[in-house]
Amino acid sequence: MPKKTPPEKQSKNTIKAYNNYEFLNSPAARNIRILAEMMEPQERLRHHNIRNTVVFFGSARINSQKETKKKLLDLQQKAKTLNKVSPQLNKQLQQAQHDYHMSKYYEDAVKLAEKLTLWFQELYKNHHNTNCHFTICSGGGPGIMEAANRGAKKAKGPSIGLNISLPMEQNPNIYQSADISFEFHYFFIRKFWFFYLAKALVIFPGGFGTFDELFELLTLTQTKKSKKYMPIVIYGREYWEKVVNFKEMVKWGTISSEDLKLFKFCDDIEETFKYLKSELTKHYINKYL
């Protein structure tokens, strides 16, 4: 029987297509890469019996109170040692004070994810039904994403990280579960996986990325492209009512008053937890049991 030629000694003309990495990374194979990003997460999530997620969205730039407080105290100490505070240092102090104020959302995301995960574990323990298997899911990066994964880990539960390759702000956080963490190239495939298994969304203050995710998912719900019921919590009126005026959109006729029922504003962890627990129980868990 003739010996097989090792792959490294084969000419390019004899390499099988699925071993031709030059081709697979070329523009011509984009559709194959897209399909891989659709299918590989599906296989891994099925293996871990993950069928339902509660997704946290929010800014990558909101950090923990511990981190922001240290930075603020360091700058305040620096200002004390100087006879005159420069405009640049004053600006840094103002930014540090603002960052410390915003850090409350990081802490709330940690606590909410922890409470939800403890409830998910109790559900699964009591019913042993894979349909009652809920998991926290985030974008896998820093900020609010990190806080969500961190809260789940504090409760000793798993959490999903749907990471995206970016030149900045998207370093995978250490709290997501390694075996259900993913790295995407295509934004639209990542958003598909955010939405496909989601049974609830919690939207913390965020920037363009958070707006993109929120409004796309609101649009899918509004236009009934998605048939499933999904409670959407917009967390933090202080932020959201300043940056988006939904009531004015109704007045201008660009959305209807009914569209305001697609989401609920919350400012409190306990209020959010009770609302999500009630809605998920009514619309999903009671149907599974």
C-alpha atoms as a PDB file:
ATOM      1  CA  MET A   1       0.000   0.000   0.000  1.00  0.00           C
ATOM      2  CA  PRO A   2       1.518   3.379  -1.038  1.00  0.00           C
ATOM      3  CA  LYS A   3       2.505   5.760   1.743  1.00  0.00           C
ATOM      4  CA  LYS A   4       0.469   8.966   2.116  1.00  0.00           C
ATOM      5  CA  THR A   5       2.318  12.164   1.424  1.00  0.00           C
ATOM      6  CA  PRO A   6       2.443  14.371   4.570  1.00  0.00           C
ATOM      7  CA  PRO A   7       0.318  17.547   4.164  1.00  0.00           C
ATOM      8  CA  GLU A   8       3.368  19.794   4.521  1.00  0.00           C
ATOM      9  CA  LYS A   9       4.975  18.087   1.501  1.00  0.00           C
ATOM     10  CA  GLN A  10       1.903  18.249  -0.703  1.00  0.00           C
ATOM     11  CA  SER A  11       1.796  20.846  -3.426  1.00  0.00           C
ATOM     12  CA  LYS A  12      -0.924  23.507  -3.265  1.00  0.00           C
ATOM     13  CA  ASN A  13      -2.732  21.725  -6.091  1.00  0.00           C
ATOM     14  CA  THR A  14      -3.178  18.572  -4.006  1.00  0.00           C
ATOM     15  CA  ILE A  15      -4.281  20.159  -0.688  1.00  0.00           C
ATOM     16  CA  LYS A  16      -7.886  19.375   0.197  1.00  0.00           C
ATOM     17  CA  ALA A  17     -10.025  22.523   0.195  1.00  0.00           C
ATOM     18  CA  TYR A  18     -10.826  22.292   3.916  1.00  0.00           C
ATOM     19  CA  ASN A  19      -7.075  22.197   4.659  1.00  0.00           C
ATOM     20  CA  ASN A  20      -6.267  25.131   2.397  1.00  0.00           C
ATOM     21  CA  TYR A  21      -6.032  27.899   4.996  1.00  0.00           C
ATOM     22  CA  GLU A  22      -4.984  30.471   2.418  1.00  0.00           C
ATOM     23  CA  PHE A  23      -8.297  29.892   0.643  1.00  0.00           C
ATOM     24  CA  LEU A  24     -10.344  29.681   3.875  1.00  0.00           C
ATOM     25  CA  ASN A  25      -9.043  33.095   4.945  1.00  0.00           C
ATOM     26  CA  SER A  26      -9.628  34.676   1.553  1.00  0.00           C
ATOM     27  CA  PRO A  27     -12.583  36.875   0.489  1.00  0.00           C
ATOM     28  CA  ALA A  28     -13.862  34.001  -1.678  1.00  0.00           C
ATOM     29  CA  ALA A  29     -14.453  31.843   1.417  1.00  0.00           C
ATOM     30  CA  ARG A  30     -16.305  34.489   3.439  1.00  0.00           C
ATOM     31  CA  ASN A  31     -19.564  32.529   3.259  1.00  0.00           C
ATOM     32  CA  ILE A  32     -17.789  29.486   4.760  1.00  0.00           C
ATOM     33  CA  ARG A  33     -16.439  31.574   7.640  1.00  0.00           C
ATOM     34  CA  ILE A  34     -19.902  33.024   8.257  1.00  0.00           C
ATOM     35  CA  LEU A  35     -21.393  29.530   8.326  1.00  0.00           C
ATOM     36  CA  ALA A  36     -18.690  28.397  10.773  1.00  0.00           C
ATOM     37  CA  GLU A  37     -19.580  31.256  13.127  1.00  0.00           C
ATOM     38  CA  MET A  38     -23.214  30.141  12.954  1.00  0.00           C
ATOM     39  CA  MET A  39     -22.630  26.415  13.466  1.00  0.00           C
ATOM     40  CA  GLU A  40     -19.741  26.134  15.928  1.00  0.00           C
ATOM     41  CA  PRO A  41     -21.504  28.042  18.765  1.00  0.00           C
ATOM     42  CA  GLN A  42     -24.669  26.006  18.156  1.00  0.00           C
ATOM     43  CA  GLU A  43     -22.783  22.739  18.600  1.00  0.00           C
ATOM     44  CA  ARG A  44     -21.002  23.894  21.744  1.00  0.00           C
ATOM     45  CA  LEU A  45     -24.108  25.387  23.360  1.00  0.00           C
ATOM     46  CA  ARG A  46     -26.072  22.206  22.659  1.00  0.00           C
ATOM     47  CA  HIS A  47     -23.299  20.162  24.243  1.00  0.00           C
ATOM     48  CA  HIS A  48     -23.693  22.222  27.432  1.00  0.00           C
ATOM     49  CA  ASN A  49     -27.521  22.033  27.321  1.00  0.00           C
ATOM     50  CA  ILE A  50     -27.847  25.803  27.086  1.00  0.00           C
ATOM     51  CA  ARG A  51     -31.286  26.709  25.736  1.00  0.00           C
ATOM     52  CA  ASN A  52     -32.178  29.987  27.423  1.00  0.00           C
ATOM     53  CA  THR A  53     -30.178  33.093  28.223  1.00  0.00           C
ATOM     54  CA  VAL A  54     -30.652  36.406  29.991  1.00  0.00           C
ATOM     55  CA  VAL A  55     -28.499  38.876  28.089  1.00  0.00           C
ATOM     56  CA  PHE A  56     -26.754  41.890  29.635  1.00  0.00           C
ATOM     57  CA  PHE A  57     -25.791  44.807  27.387  1.00  0.00           C
ATOM     58  CA  GLY A  58     -23.892  47.927  28.453  1.00  0.00           C
ATOM     59  CA  SER A  59     -20.811  50.064  28.120  1.00  0.00           C
ATOM     60  CA  ALA A  60     -17.307  48.601  28.015  1.00  0.00           C
ATOM     61  CA  ARG A  61     -16.125  51.842  29.656  1.00  0.00           C
ATOM     62  CA  ILE A  62     -17.935  51.544  33.010  1.00  0.00           C
ATOM     63  CA  ASN A  63     -15.585  50.133  35.641  1.00  0.00           C
ATOM     64  CA  SER A  64     -15.920  48.825  39.183  1.00  0.00           C
ATOM     65  CA  GLN A  65     -16.253  51.109  42.219  1.00  0.00           C
ATOM     66  CA  LYS A  66     -12.980  49.789  43.613  1.00  0.00           C
ATOM     67  CA  GLU A  67     -11.065  50.705  40.470  1.00  0.00           C
ATOM     68  CA  THR A  68     -12.707  54.102  39.938  1.00  0.00           C
ATOM     69  CA  LYS A  69     -12.467  55.066  43.624  1.00  0.00           C
ATOM     70  CA  LYS A  70      -8.733  54.331  43.690  1.00  0.00           C
ATOM     71  CA  LYS A  71      -8.168  56.504  40.624  1.00  0.00           C
ATOM     72  CA  LEU A  72     -10.247  59.319  42.133  1.00  0.00           C
ATOM     73  CA  LEU A  73      -8.423  59.177  45.491  1.00  0.00           C
ATOM     74  CA  ASP A  74      -5.033  59.149  43.745  1.00  0.00           C
ATOM     75  CA  LEU A  75      -5.945  62.286  41.784  1.00  0.00           C
ATOM     76  CA  GLN A  76      -7.368  64.016  44.869  1.00  0.00           C
ATOM     77  CA  GLN A  77      -4.138  63.244  46.740  1.00  0.00           C
ATOM     78  CA  LYS A  78      -2.136  64.628  43.828  1.00  0.00           C
ATOM     79  CA  ALA A  79      -4.218  67.819  43.854  1.00  0.00           C
ATOM     80  CA  LYS A  80      -3.602  68.268  47.602  1.00  0.00           C
ATOM     81  CA  THR A  81       0.161  68.212  47.146  1.00  0.00           C
ATOM     82  CA  LEU A  82       0.069  70.966  44.524  1.00  0.00           C
ATOM     83  CA  ASN A  83      -0.276  74.661  45.256  1.00  0.00           C
ATOM     84  CA  LYS A  84      -2.325  75.149  42.122  1.00  0.00           C
ATOM     85  CA  VAL A  85      -4.428  72.623  40.253  1.00  0.00           C
ATOM     86  CA  SER A  86      -3.826  72.801  36.510  1.00  0.00           C
ATOM     87  CA  PRO A  87      -6.774  72.822  34.056  1.00  0.00           C
ATOM     88  CA  GLN A  88      -5.642  69.390  32.859  1.00  0.00           C
ATOM     89  CA  LEU A  89      -5.645  67.919  36.380  1.00  0.00           C
ATOM     90  CA  ASN A  90      -8.988  69.549  37.118  1.00  0.00           C
ATOM     91  CA  LYS A  91     -10.400  67.911  34.001  1.00  0.00           C
ATOM     92  CA  GLN A  92      -8.990  64.545  35.097  1.00  0.00           C
ATOM     93  CA  LEU A  93     -10.586  65.008  38.544  1.00  0.00           C
ATOM     94  CA  GLN A  94     -13.979  65.760  37.008  1.00  0.00           C
ATOM     95  CA  GLN A  95     -13.719  62.692  34.774  1.00  0.00           C
ATOM     96  CA  ALA A  96     -12.685  60.509  37.713  1.00  0.00           C
ATOM     97  CA  GLN A  97     -15.653  61.753  39.764  1.00  0.00           C
ATOM     98  CA  HIS A  98     -17.973  60.991  36.855  1.00  0.00           C
ATOM     99  CA  ASP A  99     -16.448  57.524  36.395  1.00  0.00           C
ATOM    100  CA  TYR A 100     -16.947  56.812  40.100  1.00  0.00           C
ATOM    101  CA  HIS A 101     -20.590  57.892  39.829  1.00  0.00           C
ATOM    102  CA  MET A 102     -21.128  55.613  36.812  1.00  0.00           C
ATOM    103  CA  SER A 103     -19.484  52.675  38.596  1.00  0.00           C
ATOM    104  CA  LYS A 104     -22.750  52.080  40.472  1.00  0.00           C
ATOM    105  CA  TYR A 105     -24.057  50.473  37.265  1.00  0.00           C
ATOM    106  CA  TYR A 106     -21.140  48.027  37.240  1.00  0.00           C
ATOM    107  CA  GLU A 107     -21.898  47.030  40.824  1.00  0.00           C
ATOM    108  CA  ASP A 108     -25.631  46.710  40.106  1.00  0.00           C
ATOM    109  CA  ALA A 109     -24.903  44.482  37.098  1.00  0.00           C
ATOM    110  CA  VAL A 110     -22.730  42.219  39.279  1.00  0.00           C
ATOM    111  CA  LYS A 111     -25.416  41.929  41.965  1.00  0.00           C
ATOM    112  CA  LEU A 112     -28.260  41.365  39.488  1.00  0.00           C
ATOM    113  CA  ALA A 113     -26.355  38.664  37.566  1.00  0.00           C
ATOM    114  CA  GLU A 114     -25.487  36.985  40.865  1.00  0.00           C
ATOM    115  CA  LYS A 115     -29.135  36.996  42.070  1.00  0.00           C
ATOM    116  CA  LEU A 116     -30.390  35.674  38.744  1.00  0.00           C
ATOM    117  CA  THR A 117     -27.765  32.916  38.637  1.00  0.00           C
ATOM    118  CA  LEU A 118     -28.624  31.759  42.158  1.00  0.00           C
ATOM    119  CA  TRP A 119     -32.278  31.575  41.096  1.00  0.00           C
ATOM    120  CA  PHE A 120     -31.365  29.691  37.896  1.00  0.00           C
ATOM    121  CA  GLN A 121     -29.426  27.140  39.954  1.00  0.00           C
ATOM    122  CA  GLU A 122     -32.355  26.691  42.329  1.00  0.00           C
ATOM    123  CA  LEU A 123     -34.713  26.178  39.385  1.00  0.00           C
ATOM    124  CA  TYR A 124     -32.541  23.527  37.797  1.00  0.00           C
ATOM    125  CA  LYS A 125     -31.894  21.770  41.097  1.00  0.00           C
ATOM    126  CA  ASN A 126     -35.604  21.553  41.905  1.00  0.00           C
ATOM    127  CA  HIS A 127     -36.862  20.509  38.475  1.00  0.00           C
ATOM    128  CA  HIS A 128     -33.951  18.812  36.621  1.00  0.00           C
ATOM    129  CA  ASN A 129     -35.492  20.035  33.397  1.00  0.00           C
ATOM    130  CA  THR A 130     -33.083  21.250  30.707  1.00  0.00           C
ATOM    131  CA  ASN A 131     -35.785  23.644  29.511  1.00  0.00           C
ATOM    132  CA  CYS A 132     -35.388  25.382  32.886  1.00  0.00           C
ATOM    133  CA  HIS A 133     -31.678  25.847  32.260  1.00  0.00           C
ATOM    134  CA  PHE A 134     -31.073  29.610  32.111  1.00  0.00           C
ATOM    135  CA  THR A 135     -27.629  31.187  31.742  1.00  0.00           C
ATOM    136  CA  ILE A 136     -26.279  34.730  31.972  1.00  0.00           C
ATOM    137  CA  CYS A 137     -24.850  35.950  28.666  1.00  0.00           C
ATOM    138  CA  SER A 138     -22.725  39.013  27.921  1.00  0.00           C
ATOM    139  CA  GLY A 139     -20.517  40.366  25.172  1.00  0.00           C
ATOM    140  CA  GLY A 140     -17.506  38.933  26.982  1.00  0.00           C
ATOM    141  CA  GLY A 141     -15.532  42.171  27.206  1.00  0.00           C
ATOM    142  CA  PRO A 142     -14.856  44.699  29.974  1.00  0.00           C
ATOM    143  CA  GLY A 143     -17.260  47.074  31.722  1.00  0.00           C
ATOM    144  CA  ILE A 144     -20.867  45.976  32.115  1.00  0.00           C
ATOM    145  CA  MET A 145     -20.065  42.794  30.182  1.00  0.00           C
ATOM    146  CA  GLU A 146     -17.428  41.891  32.745  1.00  0.00           C
ATOM    147  CA  ALA A 147     -19.827  42.746  35.579  1.00  0.00           C
ATOM    148  CA  ALA A 148     -22.456  40.310  34.266  1.00  0.00           C
ATOM    149  CA  ASN A 149     -19.967  37.442  33.960  1.00  0.00           C
ATOM    150  CA  ARG A 150     -18.486  38.354  37.326  1.00  0.00           C
ATOM    151  CA  GLY A 151     -21.872  38.197  39.051  1.00  0.00           C
ATOM    152  CA  ALA A 152     -22.565  34.759  37.608  1.00  0.00           C
ATOM    153  CA  LYS A 153     -19.166  33.538  38.762  1.00  0.00           C
ATOM    154  CA  LYS A 154     -19.764  34.906  42.276  1.00  0.00           C
ATOM    155  CA  ALA A 155     -22.844  32.662  42.382  1.00  0.00           C
ATOM    156  CA  LYS A 156     -20.646  29.773  41.205  1.00  0.00           C
ATOM    157  CA  GLY A 157     -22.612  29.495  37.986  1.00  0.00           C
ATOM    158  CA  PRO A 158     -21.583  29.431  34.315  1.00  0.00           C
ATOM    159  CA  SER A 159     -21.915  32.397  31.990  1.00  0.00           C
ATOM    160  CA  ILE A 160     -21.533  32.923  28.266  1.00  0.00           C
ATOM    161  CA  GLY A 161     -19.200  35.447  26.637  1.00  0.00           C
ATOM    162  CA  LEU A 162     -19.883  36.394  23.026  1.00  0.00           C
ATOM    163  CA  ASN A 163     -16.624  38.195  22.300  1.00  0.00           C
ATOM    164  CA  ILE A 164     -15.922  40.186  19.141  1.00  0.00           C
ATOM    165  CA  SER A 165     -12.512  40.923  17.606  1.00  0.00           C
ATOM    166  CA  LEU A 166     -11.972  44.697  17.757  1.00  0.00           C
ATOM    167  CA  PRO A 167      -8.893  46.925  17.684  1.00  0.00           C
ATOM    168  CA  MET A 168      -9.860  48.442  21.073  1.00  0.00           C
ATOM    169  CA  GLU A 169     -12.058  47.943  24.152  1.00  0.00           C
ATOM    170  CA  GLN A 170     -12.734  44.241  23.587  1.00  0.00           C
ATOM    171  CA  ASN A 171     -10.337  42.256  25.697  1.00  0.00           C
ATOM    172  CA  PRO A 172     -12.086  39.099  26.967  1.00  0.00           C
ATOM    173  CA  ASN A 173     -12.808  39.346  30.687  1.00  0.00           C
ATOM    174  CA  ILE A 174     -11.604  36.646  33.065  1.00  0.00           C
ATOM    175  CA  TYR A 175     -15.025  35.851  34.540  1.00  0.00           C
ATOM    176  CA  GLN A 176     -16.760  34.228  31.554  1.00  0.00           C
ATOM    177  CA  SER A 177     -16.791  30.432  31.469  1.00  0.00           C
ATOM    178  CA  ALA A 178     -13.977  29.286  29.176  1.00  0.00           C
ATOM    179  CA  ASP A 179     -15.904  26.403  27.592  1.00  0.00           C
ATOM    180  CA  ILE A 180     -18.812  28.652  26.545  1.00  0.00           C
ATOM    181  CA  SER A 181     -16.841  31.728  25.500  1.00  0.00           C
ATOM    182  CA  PHE A 182     -16.785  32.567  21.814  1.00  0.00           C
ATOM    183  CA  GLU A 183     -14.782  34.857  19.560  1.00  0.00           C
ATOM    184  CA  PHE A 184     -16.669  36.358  16.615  1.00  0.00           C
ATOM    185  CA  HIS A 185     -15.443  38.262  13.601  1.00  0.00           C
ATOM    186  CA  TYR A 186     -18.860  39.205  12.209  1.00  0.00           C
ATOM    187  CA  PHE A 187     -21.060  41.545  14.238  1.00  0.00           C
ATOM    188  CA  PHE A 188     -24.293  40.301  12.705  1.00  0.00           C
ATOM    189  CA  ILE A 189     -23.589  36.663  13.624  1.00  0.00           C
ATOM    190  CA  ARG A 190     -22.727  37.712  17.155  1.00  0.00           C
ATOM    191  CA  LYS A 191     -26.030  39.604  17.395  1.00  0.00           C
ATOM    192  CA  PHE A 192     -27.860  36.546  16.101  1.00  0.00           C
ATOM    193  CA  TRP A 193     -26.478  34.516  19.025  1.00  0.00           C
ATOM    194  CA  PHE A 194     -27.335  37.283  21.457  1.00  0.00           C
ATOM    195  CA  PHE A 195     -30.959  37.145  20.376  1.00  0.00           C
ATOM    196  CA  TYR A 196     -31.558  33.521  19.373  1.00  0.00           C
ATOM    197  CA  LEU A 197     -31.471  31.998  22.865  1.00  0.00           C
ATOM    198  CA  ALA A 198     -32.416  35.159  24.779  1.00  0.00           C
ATOM    199  CA  LYS A 199     -35.511  35.040  26.958  1.00  0.00           C
ATOM    200  CA  ALA A 200     -34.830  38.438  28.561  1.00  0.00           C
ATOM    201  CA  LEU A 201     -32.594  41.464  28.015  1.00  0.00           C
ATOM    202  CA  VAL A 202     -31.158  43.912  30.542  1.00  0.00           C
ATOM    203  CA  ILE A 203     -29.753  47.081  28.982  1.00  0.00           C
ATOM    204  CA  PHE A 204     -27.407  49.128  31.147  1.00  0.00           C
ATOM    205  CA  PRO A 205     -26.047  52.557  30.120  1.00  0.00           C
ATOM    206  CA  GLY A 206     -23.884  52.255  27.043  1.00  0.00           C
ATOM    207  CA  GLY A 207     -22.654  53.848  23.850  1.00  0.00           C
ATOM    208  CA  PHE A 208     -22.980  53.146  20.126  1.00  0.00           C
ATOM    209  CA  GLY A 209     -22.623  49.377  20.515  1.00  0.00           C
ATOM    210  CA  THR A 210     -25.293  49.201  23.218  1.00  0.00           C
ATOM    211  CA  PHE A 211     -27.614  51.422  21.158  1.00  0.00           C
ATOM    212  CA  ASP A 212     -27.040  49.251  18.103  1.00  0.00           C
ATOM    213  CA  GLU A 213     -27.940  46.087  20.009  1.00  0.00           C
ATOM    214  CA  LEU A 214     -30.896  47.637  21.846  1.00  0.00           C
ATOM    215  CA  PHE A 215     -32.557  49.201  18.815  1.00  0.00           C
ATOM    216  CA  GLU A 216     -32.032  46.230  16.526  1.00  0.00           C
ATOM    217  CA  LEU A 217     -33.646  43.919  19.068  1.00  0.00           C
ATOM    218  CA  LEU A 218     -36.438  46.413  19.757  1.00  0.00           C
ATOM    219  CA  THR A 219     -37.051  46.551  16.000  1.00  0.00           C
ATOM    220  CA  LEU A 220     -37.251  42.756  15.729  1.00  0.00           C
ATOM    221  CA  THR A 221     -39.750  42.731  18.589  1.00  0.00           C
ATOM    222  CA  GLN A 222     -41.756  45.714  17.310  1.00  0.00           C
ATOM    223  CA  THR A 223     -42.076  44.305  13.793  1.00  0.00           C
ATOM    224  CA  LYS A 224     -42.893  40.834  15.156  1.00  0.00           C
ATOM    225  CA  LYS A 225     -40.028  39.268  13.252  1.00  0.00           C
ATOM    226  CA  SER A 226     -39.510  37.496  16.536  1.00  0.00           C
ATOM    227  CA  LYS A 227     -42.566  35.622  17.771  1.00  0.00           C
ATOM    228  CA  LYS A 228     -41.252  34.883  21.265  1.00  0.00           C
ATOM    229  CA  TYR A 229     -42.094  37.031  24.250  1.00  0.00           C
ATOM    230  CA  MET A 230     -39.075  38.693  25.768  1.00  0.00           C
ATOM    231  CA  PRO A 231     -39.027  41.145  28.690  1.00  0.00           C
ATOM    232  CA  ILE A 232     -36.643  44.014  28.007  1.00  0.00           C
ATOM    233  CA  VAL A 233     -35.377  46.036  30.972  1.00  0.00           C
ATOM    234  CA  ILE A 234     -33.719  49.397  30.344  1.00  0.00           C
ATOM    235  CA  TYR A 235     -31.759  50.005  33.511  1.00  0.00           C
ATOM    236  CA  GLY A 236     -30.967  53.498  34.800  1.00  0.00           C
ATOM    237  CA  ARG A 237     -33.492  56.258  34.070  1.00  0.00           C
ATOM    238  CA  GLU A 238     -30.938  58.909  35.048  1.00  0.00           C
ATOM    239  CA  TYR A 239     -28.909  57.975  31.976  1.00  0.00           C
ATOM    240  CA  TRP A 240     -31.480  56.749  29.477  1.00  0.00           C
ATOM    241  CA  GLU A 241     -34.048  59.523  29.855  1.00  0.00           C
ATOM    242  CA  LYS A 242     -31.325  62.080  29.158  1.00  0.00           C
ATOM    243  CA  VAL A 243     -29.874  60.407  26.078  1.00  0.00           C
ATOM    244  CA  VAL A 244     -33.065  59.007  24.475  1.00  0.00           C
ATOM    245  CA  ASN A 245     -36.459  60.690  24.706  1.00  0.00           C
ATOM    246  CA  PHE A 246     -38.899  57.914  23.805  1.00  0.00           C
ATOM    247  CA  LYS A 247     -41.935  60.040  24.729  1.00  0.00           C
ATOM    248  CA  GLU A 248     -40.867  62.702  22.259  1.00  0.00           C
ATOM    249  CA  MET A 249     -40.615  60.006  19.581  1.00  0.00           C
ATOM    250  CA  VAL A 250     -44.282  59.216  20.254  1.00  0.00           C
ATOM    251  CA  LYS A 251     -45.172  62.926  20.006  1.00  0.00           C
ATOM    252  CA  TRP A 252     -43.333  63.203  16.707  1.00  0.00           C
ATOM    253  CA  GLY A 253     -45.162  60.136  15.430  1.00  0.00           C
ATOM    254  CA  THR A 254     -42.068  58.042  14.709  1.00  0.00           C
ATOM    255  CA  ILE A 255     -43.169  55.338  17.169  1.00  0.00           C
ATOM    256  CA  SER A 256     -46.560  54.570  18.707  1.00  0.00           C
ATOM    257  CA  SER A 257     -47.522  54.731  22.357  1.00  0.00           C
ATOM    258  CA  GLU A 258     -47.854  50.920  22.194  1.00  0.00           C
ATOM    259  CA  ASP A 259     -44.149  50.678  21.394  1.00  0.00           C
ATOM    260  CA  LEU A 260     -43.372  52.037  24.863  1.00  0.00           C
ATOM    261  CA  LYS A 261     -44.753  48.767  26.239  1.00  0.00           C
ATOM    262  CA  LEU A 262     -41.941  46.822  24.563  1.00  0.00           C
ATOM    263  CA  PHE A 263     -39.612  47.649  27.456  1.00  0.00           C
ATOM    264  CA  LYS A 264     -39.613  48.576  31.129  1.00  0.00           C
ATOM    265  CA  PHE A 265     -37.447  51.142  32.900  1.00  0.00           C
ATOM    266  CA  CYS A 266     -35.890  49.995  36.174  1.00  0.00           C
ATOM    267  CA  ASP A 267     -33.564  51.683  38.667  1.00  0.00           C
ATOM    268  CA  ASP A 268     -33.292  49.069  41.356  1.00  0.00           C
ATOM    269  CA  ILE A 269     -31.803  45.570  41.514  1.00  0.00           C
ATOM    270  CA  GLU A 270     -34.642  44.088  43.535  1.00  0.00           C
ATOM    271  CA  GLU A 271     -37.299  45.611  41.265  1.00  0.00           C
ATOM    272  CA  THR A 272     -35.510  44.270  38.174  1.00  0.00           C
ATOM    273  CA  PHE A 273     -35.018  40.816  39.675  1.00  0.00           C
ATOM    274  CA  LYS A 274     -38.673  40.495  40.758  1.00  0.00           C
ATOM    275  CA  TYR A 275     -39.875  41.656  37.337  1.00  0.00           C
ATOM    276  CA  LEU A 276     -37.643  39.226  35.411  1.00  0.00           C
ATOM    277  CA  LYS A 277     -38.467  36.357  37.758  1.00  0.00           C
ATOM    278  CA  SER A 278     -42.197  36.990  37.374  1.00  0.00           C
ATOM    279  CA  GLU A 279     -42.099  37.350  33.580  1.00  0.00           C
ATOM    280  CA  LEU A 280     -39.822  34.361  32.964  1.00  0.00           C
ATOM    281  CA  THR A 281     -41.895  32.191  35.301  1.00  0.00           C
ATOM    282  CA  LYS A 282     -45.168  33.185  33.662  1.00  0.00           C
ATOM    283  CA  HIS A 283     -44.102  32.956  30.035  1.00  0.00           C
ATOM    284  CA  TYR A 284     -41.511  30.163  30.096  1.00  0.00           C
ATOM    285  CA  ILE A 285     -40.952  28.191  33.279  1.00  0.00           C
ATOM    286  CA  ASN A 286     -44.623  27.407  33.934  1.00  0.00           C
ATOM    287  CA  LYS A 287     -44.868  26.060  30.374  1.00  0.00           C
ATOM    288  CA  TYR A 288     -41.881  23.773  30.861  1.00  0.00           C
ATOM    289  CA  LEU A 289     -43.060  22.238  34.135  1.00  0.00           C
END
